[in-house]
Amino acid sequence: MDGVQTPIIAVVGQLLKAKPGTISLGQGIVS
């Protein structure tokens, strides 16, 4: 699980830096 989640977290982190609006999108994916 960690091996899969880590890259996703890294990608989401980059998206959050690029667009603050992606926070809601990221939460939707996690949910």
N, C-alpha and C. Protein backbone atom coordinates (compact mmCIF):
# COMPACT_ATOMS: atom_id res chain seq x y z
N MET A 1 0.84 -1.21 0.00
CA MET A 1 0.00 0.00 0.00
C MET A 1 0.87 1.25 0.00
N ASP A 2 1.87 1.27 0.87
CA ASP A 2 2.72 2.47 0.97
C ASP A 2 3.39 2.76 -0.37
N GLY A 3 3.82 1.71 -1.06
CA GLY A 3 4.50 1.89 -2.34
C GLY A 3 3.58 2.53 -3.37
N VAL A 4 2.28 2.27 -3.22
CA VAL A 4 1.32 2.84 -4.17
C VAL A 4 0.91 4.24 -3.74
N GLN A 5 0.68 4.42 -2.45
CA GLN A 5 0.19 5.70 -1.95
C GLN A 5 1.24 6.80 -2.04
N THR A 6 2.50 6.45 -1.82
CA THR A 6 3.55 7.48 -1.81
C THR A 6 3.60 8.28 -3.11
N PRO A 7 3.64 7.63 -4.28
CA PRO A 7 3.67 8.40 -5.53
C PRO A 7 2.42 9.25 -5.70
N ILE A 8 1.28 8.72 -5.29
CA ILE A 8 0.02 9.46 -5.41
C ILE A 8 0.09 10.73 -4.56
N ILE A 9 0.58 10.58 -3.33
CA ILE A 9 0.70 11.73 -2.43
C ILE A 9 1.64 12.77 -3.04
N ALA A 10 2.73 12.30 -3.64
CA ALA A 10 3.68 13.22 -4.26
C ALA A 10 3.03 13.98 -5.41
N VAL A 11 2.26 13.27 -6.23
CA VAL A 11 1.58 13.91 -7.36
C VAL A 11 0.55 14.91 -6.87
N VAL A 12 -0.24 14.50 -5.88
CA VAL A 12 -1.26 15.40 -5.32
C VAL A 12 -0.59 16.63 -4.73
N GLY A 13 0.53 16.42 -4.05
CA GLY A 13 1.26 17.55 -3.46
C GLY A 13 1.68 18.54 -4.53
N GLN A 14 2.14 18.04 -5.66
CA GLN A 14 2.55 18.91 -6.76
C GLN A 14 1.34 19.65 -7.31
N LEU A 15 0.21 18.96 -7.41
CA LEU A 15 -1.00 19.58 -7.93
C LEU A 15 -1.47 20.69 -6.99
N LEU A 16 -1.38 20.44 -5.68
CA LEU A 16 -1.80 21.44 -4.70
C LEU A 16 -0.93 22.69 -4.83
N LYS A 17 0.36 22.50 -5.09
CA LYS A 17 1.25 23.64 -5.26
C LYS A 17 0.90 24.41 -6.53
N ALA A 18 0.51 23.65 -7.58
CA ALA A 18 0.20 24.27 -8.86
C ALA A 18 -1.16 24.98 -8.80
N LYS A 19 -2.16 24.29 -8.25
CA LYS A 19 -3.51 24.88 -8.18
C LYS A 19 -4.14 24.57 -6.83
N PRO A 20 -4.33 25.56 -5.99
CA PRO A 20 -4.97 25.36 -4.68
C PRO A 20 -6.36 24.74 -4.83
N GLY A 21 -7.02 24.98 -5.94
CA GLY A 21 -8.37 24.47 -6.16
C GLY A 21 -8.41 22.96 -6.25
N THR A 22 -7.25 22.34 -6.50
CA THR A 22 -7.22 20.88 -6.64
C THR A 22 -7.37 20.19 -5.30
N ILE A 23 -7.39 20.95 -4.20
CA ILE A 23 -7.55 20.33 -2.88
C ILE A 23 -8.87 19.56 -2.84
N SER A 24 -9.95 20.19 -3.31
CA SER A 24 -11.26 19.53 -3.31
C SER A 24 -11.23 18.32 -4.22
N LEU A 25 -10.54 18.43 -5.36
CA LEU A 25 -10.43 17.31 -6.30
C LEU A 25 -9.70 16.16 -5.64
N GLY A 26 -8.60 16.46 -4.95
CA GLY A 26 -7.81 15.43 -4.28
C GLY A 26 -8.63 14.73 -3.20
N GLN A 27 -9.40 15.52 -2.44
CA GLN A 27 -10.22 14.93 -1.39
C GLN A 27 -11.25 13.98 -1.99
N GLY A 28 -11.79 14.36 -3.15
CA GLY A 28 -12.78 13.52 -3.82
C GLY A 28 -12.17 12.20 -4.23
N ILE A 29 -10.93 12.23 -4.72
CA ILE A 29 -10.24 11.00 -5.15
C ILE A 29 -9.97 10.12 -3.93
N VAL A 30 -9.50 10.73 -2.84
CA VAL A 30 -9.18 9.97 -1.63
C VAL A 30 -10.45 9.34 -1.06
N SER A 31 -11.55 10.11 -1.07
CA SER A 31 -12.80 9.59 -0.55
C SER A 31 -13.30 8.48 -1.46
